[in-house]
Amino acid sequence: QLNYAVYRNGKLAGEAEIHMQQQGKRWVIRSEGSGTRGLGRLLGVTDAEQAEGSFVNGRFRPDRFSHHSRLAGFSNDWSAQFNWQDNTVAITKGEDILSLDMGQGALDKLSLNVDLQWRVRERDPDLQLFEVTDDKIKPRTYRLLPPEQLETSLGCISTVPVELIPTG
């Protein structure tokens, strides 16, 4: 379990928790976040996501993903079913189902972060990934930044920051 405090302009703006749990041969990754101060708290900002899947050749492969967010009383709920045999993903939003070709292996946001960590650890130079969203598959390109030391409650740890390169 990881707990994050999100700061904006030096002030606590939100909190996030990430859980990764093994259930037999399957894994579940959950993320929950909320606005705790200012506009985020006033608007009731919340976000919850869950990916379920397994590890294949050392890499996480999702079978299912669900997303729920809430802002000022409005919800955004959608889910994705991954079919690796057919290389397709079915995105469900309300009554609508959209089936897309996964191309080079598109992933949901949580699984993409696990895969990105694997690529950094394995020194894989390909940091061009594809993210499944509620209505499309978006290309995401990342770059590695110089290593940094990060002070934590467990002591100082070495990190490799990764930056998303903005597109368009």
Protein backbone atom coordinates (compact mmCIF):
# COMPACT_ATOMS: atom_id res chain seq x y z
CA GLN A 1 0.00 0.00 0.00
CA LEU A 2 1.28 3.45 -0.95
CA ASN A 3 -0.09 6.71 0.45
CA TYR A 4 0.53 9.97 -1.35
CA ALA A 5 -0.06 13.54 -0.28
CA VAL A 6 -0.53 15.84 -3.28
CA TYR A 7 0.70 19.40 -2.80
CA ARG A 8 -0.02 22.39 -5.00
CA ASN A 9 1.84 25.65 -4.32
CA GLY A 10 3.14 24.20 -1.06
CA LYS A 11 -0.35 23.38 0.26
CA LEU A 12 -2.00 19.98 0.64
CA ALA A 13 -4.49 19.66 -2.22
CA GLY A 14 -5.36 15.97 -2.16
CA GLU A 15 -4.56 12.47 -1.00
CA ALA A 16 -4.19 9.21 -2.90
CA GLU A 17 -3.83 5.57 -1.90
CA ILE A 18 -2.64 2.76 -4.14
CA HIS A 19 -3.01 -0.91 -3.22
CA MET A 20 -1.56 -3.89 -5.08
CA GLN A 21 -2.74 -7.27 -3.85
CA GLN A 22 -2.19 -10.83 -5.05
CA GLN A 23 -5.22 -13.15 -5.14
CA GLY A 24 -3.94 -16.57 -6.19
CA LYS A 25 -2.36 -16.14 -9.63
CA ARG A 26 -4.25 -12.90 -10.20
CA TRP A 27 -3.40 -9.39 -9.05
CA VAL A 28 -5.63 -6.43 -8.22
CA ILE A 29 -4.37 -2.83 -8.33
CA ARG A 30 -6.60 -0.18 -6.74
CA SER A 31 -6.20 3.57 -6.63
CA GLU A 32 -8.35 5.99 -4.64
CA GLY A 33 -7.93 9.74 -4.43
CA SER A 34 -9.78 12.77 -3.16
CA GLY A 35 -9.50 16.51 -2.92
CA THR A 36 -8.90 17.44 0.72
CA ARG A 37 -8.57 21.22 0.61
CA GLY A 38 -9.83 24.24 -1.26
CA LEU A 39 -11.68 23.82 -4.53
CA GLY A 40 -11.08 20.03 -4.63
CA ARG A 41 -12.84 19.56 -1.30
CA LEU A 42 -15.56 22.09 -2.13
CA LEU A 43 -16.37 20.31 -5.41
CA GLY A 44 -16.19 16.84 -3.81
CA VAL A 45 -13.48 15.57 -6.15
CA THR A 46 -12.98 11.80 -5.87
CA ASP A 47 -11.37 9.23 -8.13
CA ALA A 48 -11.28 5.42 -7.85
CA GLU A 49 -9.76 2.96 -10.31
CA GLN A 50 -9.14 -0.78 -10.29
CA ALA A 51 -7.23 -3.06 -12.64
CA GLU A 52 -7.32 -6.85 -12.44
CA GLY A 53 -4.98 -9.16 -14.29
CA SER A 54 -1.91 -11.36 -14.10
CA PHE A 55 1.79 -11.24 -14.81
CA VAL A 56 2.92 -12.77 -18.11
CA ASN A 57 6.67 -13.01 -18.70
CA GLY A 58 7.27 -10.56 -15.85
CA ARG A 59 4.85 -7.91 -17.17
CA PHE A 60 1.38 -7.04 -15.88
CA ARG A 61 -1.41 -7.84 -18.33
CA PRO A 62 -4.84 -6.48 -17.34
CA ASP A 63 -8.08 -8.34 -18.01
CA ARG A 64 -10.43 -5.71 -16.56
CA PHE A 65 -10.27 -2.05 -15.58
CA SER A 66 -12.86 0.20 -13.97
CA HIS A 67 -12.89 3.96 -13.42
CA HIS A 68 -15.16 6.08 -11.25
CA SER A 69 -14.68 9.80 -10.68
CA ARG A 70 -16.94 12.43 -9.18
CA LEU A 71 -16.81 16.20 -9.49
CA ALA A 72 -19.48 18.56 -8.16
CA GLY A 73 -22.07 15.78 -8.06
CA PHE A 74 -21.38 14.54 -11.60
CA SER A 75 -20.01 11.03 -12.06
CA ASN A 76 -17.81 9.63 -14.80
CA ASP A 77 -17.97 5.83 -14.79
CA TRP A 78 -16.51 3.53 -17.40
CA SER A 79 -14.80 0.16 -17.67
CA ALA A 80 -12.62 -1.82 -20.07
CA GLN A 81 -12.42 -5.55 -20.85
CA PHE A 82 -9.13 -6.62 -22.46
CA ASN A 83 -9.15 -9.53 -24.92
CA TRP A 84 -5.50 -10.37 -25.49
CA GLN A 85 -6.26 -13.27 -27.84
CA ASP A 86 -8.16 -10.98 -30.25
CA ASN A 87 -5.99 -7.94 -29.39
CA THR A 88 -9.10 -5.83 -28.65
CA VAL A 89 -10.45 -3.83 -25.73
CA ALA A 90 -14.17 -3.28 -25.10
CA ILE A 91 -14.87 0.03 -23.37
CA THR A 92 -18.24 0.32 -21.63
CA LYS A 93 -19.67 3.70 -20.66
CA GLY A 94 -23.30 3.60 -19.59
CA GLU A 95 -25.18 1.60 -22.22
CA ASP A 96 -22.54 2.19 -24.90
CA ILE A 97 -19.83 -0.35 -25.75
CA LEU A 98 -16.90 0.63 -27.96
CA SER A 99 -14.54 -2.07 -29.26
CA LEU A 100 -11.04 -0.94 -30.25
CA ASP A 101 -7.96 -2.66 -31.64
CA MET A 102 -5.22 -2.54 -28.98
CA GLY A 103 -2.50 -2.13 -31.60
CA GLN A 104 0.82 -2.59 -29.86
CA GLY A 105 -0.74 -3.49 -26.50
CA ALA A 106 -2.70 -0.55 -25.10
CA LEU A 107 -3.09 -0.47 -21.31
CA ASP A 108 -5.28 1.27 -18.75
CA LYS A 109 -3.73 4.01 -16.61
CA LEU A 110 -2.87 1.79 -13.63
CA SER A 111 -1.39 -1.02 -15.74
CA LEU A 112 0.49 1.52 -17.85
CA ASN A 113 2.25 2.80 -14.72
CA VAL A 114 3.26 -0.74 -13.72
CA ASP A 115 4.55 -1.38 -17.27
CA LEU A 116 6.43 1.92 -17.28
CA GLN A 117 8.12 0.93 -14.02
CA TRP A 118 9.12 -2.40 -15.60
CA ARG A 119 10.56 -0.60 -18.66
CA VAL A 120 12.61 1.76 -16.49
CA ARG A 121 13.92 -1.12 -14.34
CA GLU A 122 14.80 -3.22 -17.44
CA ARG A 123 16.32 -0.17 -19.16
CA ASP A 124 13.90 -0.62 -22.08
CA PRO A 125 14.45 2.43 -24.31
CA ASP A 126 10.91 2.27 -25.77
CA LEU A 127 8.91 4.74 -23.69
CA GLN A 128 6.12 5.12 -26.28
CA LEU A 129 3.02 3.57 -24.70
CA PHE A 130 -0.70 3.55 -25.44
CA GLU A 131 -3.38 4.36 -22.84
CA VAL A 132 -6.98 3.19 -22.99
CA THR A 133 -9.34 6.04 -22.02
CA ASP A 134 -13.14 6.19 -21.89
CA ASP A 135 -13.46 6.71 -25.65
CA LYS A 136 -10.14 6.08 -27.41
CA ILE A 137 -6.57 4.88 -27.21
CA LYS A 138 -4.06 7.71 -26.69
CA PRO A 139 -0.34 7.53 -27.46
CA ARG A 140 1.79 8.48 -24.46
CA THR A 141 5.49 9.25 -24.78
CA TYR A 142 7.71 9.50 -21.71
CA ARG A 143 11.30 10.48 -21.09
CA LEU A 144 13.65 9.68 -18.25
CA LEU A 145 15.00 12.56 -16.19
CA PRO A 146 18.28 12.50 -14.25
CA PRO A 147 18.18 10.36 -11.07
CA GLU A 148 17.18 12.16 -7.86
CA GLN A 149 17.37 11.40 -4.16
CA LEU A 150 13.97 11.45 -2.46
CA GLU A 151 13.55 11.93 1.28
CA THR A 152 10.89 9.62 2.75
CA SER A 153 9.84 8.51 6.21
CA LEU A 154 11.90 5.36 5.53
CA GLY A 155 15.01 7.38 4.68
CA CYS A 156 16.56 8.67 1.49
CA ILE A 157 15.95 6.61 -1.66
CA SER A 158 17.28 6.92 -5.20
CA THR A 159 14.59 7.55 -7.83
CA VAL A 160 14.40 7.84 -11.60
CA PRO A 161 11.85 10.52 -12.46
CA VAL A 162 9.78 9.92 -15.59
CA GLU A 163 8.12 12.78 -17.44
CA LEU A 164 5.13 12.59 -19.78
CA ILE A 165 5.95 14.53 -22.94
CA PRO A 166 2.98 16.74 -23.85
CA THR A 167 1.48 16.16 -27.29
CA GLY A 168 -0.14 18.60 -29.70
